[in-house]
Structure formats: C-alpha cells, structure tokens
Amino acid sequence: MSEDSNEIEIQFLDHVAIRVRDLNQSVEWYQKVLNLRKCQLPEWGEYPIFMLSGKSGVALFPAKLTDPQLDIASKNVKIDHFAFNVTNENFEKAKKRFAELKLEFSIQDHHYFHSIYTKDPDGHTVELTTIVTDEGEFYQ
C-alpha cells in the first residue's frame, strides 16, 4: 500500500443519528439505562439532542409518524444497531443493570468480543461490546 498524504484516518465513531417517537422518553432511557450525558445546544434548536459517552453517542431526532412505517424486524436497508465499547468490568455491570431495570436482553459470544443487546423505547438495537482476548489478536 502506498503512502498517500490525502488518506483519511478515522479516529472513533462520533455518533449515529436515530429517529424517535418521543424525544424526552428517549433522553430519559439513554440516561437511565446507559448513563449517557445529554448535550443539547441552543444554536441547534429543539434537536438534535446528543446522548454521549465521552465523544461518542447517538443523536436523537423526532420521527415523522405520518411517514410510512418500516418493519422493525426487517433486515433491509436501515440502521441495524449501534454499539458502544465497554471494559469487561462494565460489561458485567451492564448485565446487572439491565436485569435490575427488567429489560429484555441477550448476550452473544463473538469469539474476540462478548456483546449484550437490548432495545431502546423505539426498538433500536443497542449493543455494548467488550473485548475478551488480547487486543493484539484482533486489532492488528
């Protein structure tokens, strides 16, 4: 591969924009379940509302409920899910937190990573993932 001074280097996932039925309900859910920080700038008006962990998060926009509805179970073109990376310790805390909140969730072993999945109030799949092997085995 040649060195190109115009090559772009991505630093981290900034945000995923999602449309929600109720902005306030979603803000409350992301604060309560994932402990995300609300960032709403007056220069932008009522939305988007960013829900952040450090510099990564989701941007909440109101859904247009009069538009045709997509089948949430569809695997067609749409945002399938978004994932936040957590430490092994915080992964264990998430299992306990989700159980305390009586959320439905599932856990999957992806060999290098373990992931826990749940749904937000609008049915968006939210994943927390943690690496369970030496990072050098995966990030080469």
N, C-alpha and C. Protein backbone atom coordinates (compact mmCIF):
# COMPACT_ATOMS: atom_id res chain seq x y z
N MET A 1 0.85 -1.17 0.00
CA MET A 1 0.00 0.00 0.00
C MET A 1 0.90 1.24 0.00
N SER A 2 0.62 2.18 -0.88
CA SER A 2 1.44 3.38 -0.96
C SER A 2 0.97 4.42 0.05
N GLU A 3 1.93 5.20 0.51
CA GLU A 3 1.61 6.29 1.43
C GLU A 3 0.99 7.42 0.63
N ASP A 4 -0.22 7.80 0.96
CA ASP A 4 -0.91 8.88 0.28
C ASP A 4 -1.21 9.96 1.30
N SER A 5 -0.69 11.15 1.08
CA SER A 5 -0.88 12.24 2.05
C SER A 5 -2.35 12.64 2.18
N ASN A 6 -3.19 12.19 1.24
CA ASN A 6 -4.60 12.51 1.30
C ASN A 6 -5.45 11.40 1.93
N GLU A 7 -4.80 10.33 2.44
CA GLU A 7 -5.56 9.25 3.08
C GLU A 7 -6.20 9.76 4.36
N ILE A 8 -7.41 9.33 4.56
CA ILE A 8 -8.18 9.74 5.75
C ILE A 8 -8.00 8.70 6.84
N GLU A 9 -7.75 9.14 8.05
CA GLU A 9 -7.64 8.25 9.20
C GLU A 9 -8.78 8.55 10.16
N ILE A 10 -9.66 7.59 10.34
CA ILE A 10 -10.81 7.75 11.24
C ILE A 10 -10.34 7.52 12.67
N GLN A 11 -10.78 8.36 13.60
CA GLN A 11 -10.37 8.26 14.99
C GLN A 11 -11.30 7.37 15.82
N PHE A 12 -12.63 7.57 15.74
CA PHE A 12 -13.60 6.80 16.52
C PHE A 12 -14.99 7.08 15.98
N LEU A 13 -15.97 6.28 16.34
CA LEU A 13 -17.35 6.53 15.94
C LEU A 13 -17.84 7.77 16.68
N ASP A 14 -18.28 8.78 15.95
CA ASP A 14 -18.75 10.02 16.57
C ASP A 14 -20.18 9.85 17.07
N HIS A 15 -21.10 9.56 16.16
CA HIS A 15 -22.49 9.36 16.58
C HIS A 15 -23.26 8.61 15.49
N VAL A 16 -24.39 8.10 15.89
CA VAL A 16 -25.36 7.52 14.97
C VAL A 16 -26.65 8.31 15.18
N ALA A 17 -27.23 8.79 14.11
CA ALA A 17 -28.48 9.56 14.19
C ALA A 17 -29.66 8.61 14.10
N ILE A 18 -30.58 8.73 15.05
CA ILE A 18 -31.77 7.88 15.04
C ILE A 18 -33.01 8.76 15.22
N ARG A 19 -34.11 8.31 14.64
CA ARG A 19 -35.39 9.00 14.78
C ARG A 19 -36.20 8.28 15.86
N VAL A 20 -36.80 9.07 16.74
CA VAL A 20 -37.53 8.51 17.89
C VAL A 20 -38.92 9.12 17.99
N ARG A 21 -39.85 8.35 18.58
CA ARG A 21 -41.23 8.83 18.74
C ARG A 21 -41.33 9.97 19.74
N ASP A 22 -40.58 9.89 20.84
CA ASP A 22 -40.71 10.85 21.94
C ASP A 22 -39.30 11.21 22.41
N LEU A 23 -38.86 12.44 22.10
CA LEU A 23 -37.50 12.87 22.45
C LEU A 23 -37.25 12.75 23.96
N ASN A 24 -38.19 13.22 24.78
CA ASN A 24 -37.99 13.21 26.23
C ASN A 24 -37.89 11.78 26.77
N GLN A 25 -38.75 10.87 26.29
CA GLN A 25 -38.71 9.48 26.73
C GLN A 25 -37.36 8.85 26.36
N SER A 26 -36.86 9.15 25.16
CA SER A 26 -35.59 8.57 24.72
C SER A 26 -34.42 9.14 25.52
N VAL A 27 -34.44 10.45 25.78
CA VAL A 27 -33.39 11.06 26.60
C VAL A 27 -33.34 10.37 27.96
N GLU A 28 -34.52 10.22 28.57
CA GLU A 28 -34.59 9.58 29.89
C GLU A 28 -34.05 8.14 29.83
N TRP A 29 -34.42 7.37 28.80
CA TRP A 29 -33.98 5.98 28.68
C TRP A 29 -32.46 5.90 28.55
N TYR A 30 -31.88 6.70 27.67
CA TYR A 30 -30.43 6.64 27.46
C TYR A 30 -29.66 7.12 28.69
N GLN A 31 -30.23 8.05 29.46
CA GLN A 31 -29.60 8.46 30.71
C GLN A 31 -29.69 7.34 31.75
N LYS A 32 -30.88 6.77 31.91
CA LYS A 32 -31.12 5.77 32.96
C LYS A 32 -30.42 4.45 32.65
N VAL A 33 -30.52 3.98 31.41
CA VAL A 33 -30.01 2.66 31.07
C VAL A 33 -28.51 2.68 30.79
N LEU A 34 -28.03 3.64 30.00
CA LEU A 34 -26.61 3.65 29.60
C LEU A 34 -25.79 4.76 30.24
N ASN A 35 -26.43 5.59 31.08
CA ASN A 35 -25.74 6.68 31.76
C ASN A 35 -25.09 7.65 30.77
N LEU A 36 -25.78 7.90 29.65
CA LEU A 36 -25.25 8.85 28.66
C LEU A 36 -25.58 10.27 29.09
N ARG A 37 -24.70 11.18 28.71
CA ARG A 37 -24.83 12.60 29.05
C ARG A 37 -25.59 13.31 27.93
N LYS A 38 -26.56 14.12 28.32
CA LYS A 38 -27.36 14.89 27.36
C LYS A 38 -26.61 16.15 26.94
N CYS A 39 -26.56 16.37 25.64
CA CYS A 39 -25.94 17.59 25.09
C CYS A 39 -26.92 18.17 24.08
N GLN A 40 -27.51 19.31 24.44
CA GLN A 40 -28.47 19.97 23.56
C GLN A 40 -28.05 21.42 23.44
N LEU A 41 -27.64 21.80 22.25
CA LEU A 41 -27.09 23.14 22.04
C LEU A 41 -28.18 24.11 21.59
N PRO A 42 -28.26 25.29 22.23
CA PRO A 42 -29.31 26.25 21.87
C PRO A 42 -29.23 26.70 20.41
N GLU A 43 -28.02 26.71 19.85
CA GLU A 43 -27.86 27.14 18.46
C GLU A 43 -28.56 26.20 17.48
N TRP A 44 -28.83 24.95 17.91
CA TRP A 44 -29.45 23.96 17.03
C TRP A 44 -30.95 23.83 17.24
N GLY A 45 -31.49 24.52 18.23
CA GLY A 45 -32.92 24.43 18.48
C GLY A 45 -33.28 23.19 19.31
N GLU A 46 -34.50 22.68 19.09
CA GLU A 46 -35.00 21.55 19.88
C GLU A 46 -34.24 20.26 19.63
N TYR A 47 -33.71 20.10 18.45
CA TYR A 47 -32.98 18.89 18.09
C TYR A 47 -31.95 19.21 17.02
N PRO A 48 -30.94 18.35 16.90
CA PRO A 48 -30.79 17.05 17.55
C PRO A 48 -30.39 17.19 19.02
N ILE A 49 -30.70 16.15 19.78
CA ILE A 49 -30.22 16.02 21.15
C ILE A 49 -29.19 14.90 21.12
N PHE A 50 -27.96 15.22 21.50
CA PHE A 50 -26.91 14.21 21.54
C PHE A 50 -26.88 13.57 22.92
N MET A 51 -26.76 12.25 22.93
CA MET A 51 -26.62 11.48 24.16
C MET A 51 -25.24 10.84 24.07
N LEU A 52 -24.31 11.30 24.91
CA LEU A 52 -22.90 11.00 24.72
C LEU A 52 -22.25 10.21 25.86
N SER A 53 -21.28 9.40 25.46
CA SER A 53 -20.33 8.79 26.37
C SER A 53 -18.98 9.25 25.85
N GLY A 54 -18.35 10.15 26.57
CA GLY A 54 -17.14 10.76 26.04
C GLY A 54 -17.48 11.53 24.78
N LYS A 55 -16.86 11.15 23.67
CA LYS A 55 -17.10 11.84 22.41
C LYS A 55 -17.98 11.03 21.46
N SER A 56 -18.49 9.88 21.90
CA SER A 56 -19.31 9.02 21.05
C SER A 56 -20.73 8.96 21.58
N GLY A 57 -21.69 8.76 20.68
CA GLY A 57 -23.05 8.62 21.15
C GLY A 57 -24.07 8.55 20.04
N VAL A 58 -25.31 8.85 20.39
CA VAL A 58 -26.40 8.88 19.44
C VAL A 58 -26.97 10.29 19.39
N ALA A 59 -27.43 10.66 18.20
CA ALA A 59 -28.11 11.94 18.00
C ALA A 59 -29.58 11.64 17.80
N LEU A 60 -30.43 12.18 18.65
CA LEU A 60 -31.86 11.91 18.61
C LEU A 60 -32.57 12.99 17.78
N PHE A 61 -33.39 12.53 16.85
CA PHE A 61 -34.22 13.40 16.02
C PHE A 61 -35.66 12.91 16.14
N PRO A 62 -36.64 13.82 16.04
CA PRO A 62 -38.03 13.35 16.11
C PRO A 62 -38.39 12.54 14.86
N ALA A 63 -39.15 11.48 15.07
CA ALA A 63 -39.66 10.69 13.95
C ALA A 63 -40.82 11.44 13.32
N LYS A 64 -41.02 11.22 12.04
CA LYS A 64 -42.19 11.76 11.35
C LYS A 64 -43.21 10.62 11.30
N LEU A 65 -44.10 10.61 12.28
CA LEU A 65 -45.01 9.49 12.46
C LEU A 65 -46.02 9.34 11.34
N THR A 66 -46.16 10.38 10.49
CA THR A 66 -47.09 10.28 9.36
C THR A 66 -46.43 9.64 8.14
N ASP A 67 -45.09 9.48 8.16
CA ASP A 67 -44.40 8.79 7.08
C ASP A 67 -44.70 7.30 7.17
N PRO A 68 -44.57 6.57 6.06
CA PRO A 68 -44.79 5.12 6.13
C PRO A 68 -43.82 4.48 7.13
N GLN A 69 -44.32 3.50 7.86
CA GLN A 69 -43.52 2.84 8.90
C GLN A 69 -42.74 1.67 8.31
N LEU A 70 -41.50 1.53 8.75
CA LEU A 70 -40.69 0.38 8.36
C LEU A 70 -40.97 -0.78 9.30
N ASP A 71 -40.80 -1.97 8.80
CA ASP A 71 -40.90 -3.15 9.63
C ASP A 71 -39.64 -3.23 10.47
N ILE A 72 -39.76 -3.11 11.80
CA ILE A 72 -38.60 -3.11 12.70
C ILE A 72 -37.79 -4.40 12.58
N ALA A 73 -38.47 -5.52 12.27
CA ALA A 73 -37.77 -6.80 12.15
C ALA A 73 -37.06 -6.96 10.81
N SER A 74 -37.30 -6.02 9.89
CA SER A 74 -36.70 -6.11 8.56
C SER A 74 -35.18 -6.02 8.63
N LYS A 75 -34.53 -6.80 7.79
CA LYS A 75 -33.07 -6.71 7.65
C LYS A 75 -32.72 -5.92 6.38
N ASN A 76 -33.70 -5.21 5.81
CA ASN A 76 -33.46 -4.40 4.63
C ASN A 76 -32.61 -3.19 5.01
N VAL A 77 -32.43 -2.26 4.11
CA VAL A 77 -31.57 -1.10 4.33
C VAL A 77 -32.12 -0.25 5.47
N LYS A 78 -31.34 -0.12 6.54
CA LYS A 78 -31.69 0.70 7.70
C LYS A 78 -30.51 0.64 8.67
N ILE A 79 -30.56 1.41 9.73
CA ILE A 79 -29.57 1.25 10.79
C ILE A 79 -29.96 -0.02 11.54
N ASP A 80 -29.09 -1.02 11.50
CA ASP A 80 -29.38 -2.29 12.15
C ASP A 80 -29.20 -2.18 13.66
N HIS A 81 -28.07 -1.64 14.09
CA HIS A 81 -27.81 -1.43 15.51
C HIS A 81 -26.60 -0.52 15.64
N PHE A 82 -26.34 -0.08 16.85
CA PHE A 82 -25.10 0.65 17.13
C PHE A 82 -24.53 0.11 18.42
N ALA A 83 -23.20 0.20 18.53
CA ALA A 83 -22.51 -0.42 19.66
C ALA A 83 -21.59 0.57 20.35
N PHE A 84 -21.58 0.50 21.66
CA PHE A 84 -20.62 1.21 22.49
C PHE A 84 -19.64 0.18 23.04
N ASN A 85 -18.36 0.49 23.05
CA ASN A 85 -17.35 -0.39 23.62
C ASN A 85 -17.27 -0.12 25.11
N VAL A 86 -17.20 -1.21 25.91
CA VAL A 86 -17.06 -1.08 27.36
C VAL A 86 -15.97 -2.04 27.85
N THR A 87 -15.46 -1.79 29.04
CA THR A 87 -14.49 -2.70 29.65
C THR A 87 -15.20 -3.97 30.09
N ASN A 88 -14.44 -5.03 30.37
CA ASN A 88 -15.02 -6.28 30.88
C ASN A 88 -15.82 -6.01 32.16
N GLU A 89 -15.27 -5.18 33.04
CA GLU A 89 -15.94 -4.86 34.30
C GLU A 89 -17.28 -4.19 34.05
N ASN A 90 -17.31 -3.23 33.12
CA ASN A 90 -18.56 -2.53 32.83
C ASN A 90 -19.55 -3.42 32.08
N PHE A 91 -19.05 -4.40 31.35
CA PHE A 91 -19.93 -5.38 30.71
C PHE A 91 -20.70 -6.15 31.79
N GLU A 92 -20.01 -6.56 32.84
CA GLU A 92 -20.66 -7.27 33.95
C GLU A 92 -21.67 -6.36 34.65
N LYS A 93 -21.31 -5.09 34.82
CA LYS A 93 -22.23 -4.13 35.43
C LYS A 93 -23.48 -3.97 34.57
N ALA A 94 -23.30 -3.96 33.24
CA ALA A 94 -24.44 -3.80 32.33
C ALA A 94 -25.42 -4.95 32.48
N LYS A 95 -24.91 -6.19 32.61
CA LYS A 95 -25.80 -7.34 32.80
C LYS A 95 -26.66 -7.14 34.05
N LYS A 96 -26.04 -6.69 35.13
CA LYS A 96 -26.78 -6.47 36.38
C LYS A 96 -27.76 -5.30 36.23
N ARG A 97 -27.31 -4.22 35.59
CA ARG A 97 -28.15 -3.03 35.41
C ARG A 97 -29.38 -3.35 34.57
N PHE A 98 -29.18 -4.05 33.45
CA PHE A 98 -30.29 -4.40 32.58
C PHE A 98 -31.29 -5.30 33.32
N ALA A 99 -30.79 -6.23 34.12
CA ALA A 99 -31.66 -7.11 34.90
C ALA A 99 -32.44 -6.29 35.94
N GLU A 100 -31.76 -5.37 36.64
CA GLU A 100 -32.42 -4.51 37.63
C GLU A 100 -33.56 -3.73 36.99
N LEU A 101 -33.33 -3.25 35.76
CA LEU A 101 -34.33 -2.44 35.06
C LEU A 101 -35.38 -3.30 34.36
N LYS A 102 -35.25 -4.62 34.50
CA LYS A 102 -36.18 -5.58 33.89
C LYS A 102 -36.25 -5.42 32.37
N LEU A 103 -35.10 -5.11 31.76
CA LEU A 103 -35.02 -5.01 30.30
C LEU A 103 -34.86 -6.40 29.71
N GLU A 104 -35.44 -6.62 28.56
CA GLU A 104 -35.14 -7.84 27.82
C GLU A 104 -33.77 -7.62 27.18
N PHE A 105 -32.90 -8.63 27.29
CA PHE A 105 -31.59 -8.51 26.67
C PHE A 105 -31.07 -9.90 26.32
N SER A 106 -30.09 -9.92 25.42
CA SER A 106 -29.44 -11.17 25.06
C SER A 106 -27.93 -10.94 25.06
N ILE A 107 -27.20 -12.03 25.26
CA ILE A 107 -25.74 -11.97 25.27
C ILE A 107 -25.23 -12.91 24.19
N GLN A 108 -24.24 -12.44 23.43
CA GLN A 108 -23.65 -13.27 22.38
C GLN A 108 -22.14 -13.30 22.52
N ASP A 109 -21.58 -14.46 22.26
CA ASP A 109 -20.13 -14.66 22.25
C ASP A 109 -19.66 -14.55 20.81
N HIS A 110 -18.88 -13.51 20.52
CA HIS A 110 -18.35 -13.29 19.17
C HIS A 110 -16.85 -13.63 19.12
N HIS A 111 -16.43 -14.58 19.88
CA HIS A 111 -15.07 -15.08 19.98
C HIS A 111 -14.13 -14.02 20.57
N TYR A 112 -13.84 -12.97 19.83
CA TYR A 112 -12.95 -11.92 20.33
C TYR A 112 -13.68 -10.97 21.28
N PHE A 113 -14.99 -10.86 21.10
CA PHE A 113 -15.81 -9.94 21.87
C PHE A 113 -17.01 -10.67 22.46
N HIS A 114 -17.51 -10.16 23.58
CA HIS A 114 -18.82 -10.55 24.09
C HIS A 114 -19.70 -9.31 23.97
N SER A 115 -20.95 -9.53 23.61
CA SER A 115 -21.87 -8.41 23.42
C SER A 115 -23.17 -8.67 24.15
N ILE A 116 -23.75 -7.58 24.66
CA ILE A 116 -25.07 -7.62 25.27
C ILE A 116 -25.95 -6.68 24.45
N TYR A 117 -27.14 -7.17 24.10
CA TYR A 117 -28.05 -6.42 23.24
C TYR A 117 -29.36 -6.16 23.97
N THR A 118 -29.91 -4.95 23.77
CA THR A 118 -31.23 -4.61 24.26
C THR A 118 -31.87 -3.66 23.24
N LYS A 119 -33.09 -3.27 23.50
CA LYS A 119 -33.81 -2.34 22.60
C LYS A 119 -34.16 -1.07 23.37
N ASP A 120 -34.06 0.07 22.67
CA ASP A 120 -34.50 1.33 23.27
C ASP A 120 -36.01 1.45 23.10
N PRO A 121 -36.63 2.54 23.59
CA PRO A 121 -38.10 2.65 23.52
C PRO A 121 -38.66 2.58 22.10
N ASP A 122 -37.86 2.88 21.07
CA ASP A 122 -38.34 2.85 19.70
C ASP A 122 -37.94 1.58 18.96
N GLY A 123 -37.35 0.63 19.67
CA GLY A 123 -36.99 -0.62 19.04
C GLY A 123 -35.62 -0.65 18.39
N HIS A 124 -34.82 0.42 18.55
CA HIS A 124 -33.45 0.40 18.04
C HIS A 124 -32.64 -0.59 18.87
N THR A 125 -31.84 -1.41 18.20
CA THR A 125 -30.99 -2.36 18.91
C THR A 125 -29.74 -1.64 19.39
N VAL A 126 -29.49 -1.71 20.69
CA VAL A 126 -28.33 -1.08 21.33
C VAL A 126 -27.42 -2.20 21.83
N GLU A 127 -26.14 -2.14 21.44
CA GLU A 127 -25.17 -3.16 21.82
C GLU A 127 -24.09 -2.54 22.69
N LEU A 128 -23.71 -3.26 23.73
CA LEU A 128 -22.49 -2.95 24.48
C LEU A 128 -21.56 -4.12 24.22
N THR A 129 -20.32 -3.83 23.82
CA THR A 129 -19.40 -4.90 23.45
C THR A 129 -18.09 -4.73 24.20
N THR A 130 -17.47 -5.86 24.54
CA THR A 130 -16.20 -5.83 25.26
C THR A 130 -15.27 -6.88 24.68
N ILE A 131 -14.01 -6.53 24.56
CA ILE A 131 -13.03 -7.47 24.02
C ILE A 131 -12.64 -8.46 25.12
N VAL A 132 -12.55 -9.74 24.76
CA VAL A 132 -12.26 -10.77 25.77
C VAL A 132 -10.97 -11.52 25.45
N THR A 133 -10.24 -11.09 24.45
CA THR A 133 -8.94 -11.67 24.13
C THR A 133 -7.91 -10.55 24.15
N ASP A 134 -6.67 -10.91 23.93
CA ASP A 134 -5.62 -9.90 23.83
C ASP A 134 -5.95 -8.98 22.66
N GLU A 135 -5.95 -7.67 22.87
CA GLU A 135 -6.30 -6.73 21.82
C GLU A 135 -5.44 -6.93 20.57
N GLY A 136 -4.19 -7.35 20.75
CA GLY A 136 -3.30 -7.55 19.63
C GLY A 136 -3.75 -8.67 18.68
N GLU A 137 -4.54 -9.62 19.22
CA GLU A 137 -5.07 -10.69 18.38
C GLU A 137 -6.12 -10.16 17.41
N PHE A 138 -6.85 -9.12 17.82
CA PHE A 138 -7.92 -8.59 17.00
C PHE A 138 -7.49 -7.34 16.23
N TYR A 139 -6.92 -6.37 16.93
CA TYR A 139 -6.51 -5.10 16.32
C TYR A 139 -5.08 -5.24 15.83
N GLN A 140 -4.93 -5.62 14.58
CA GLN A 140 -3.57 -5.81 14.03
C GLN A 140 -3.20 -4.68 13.12
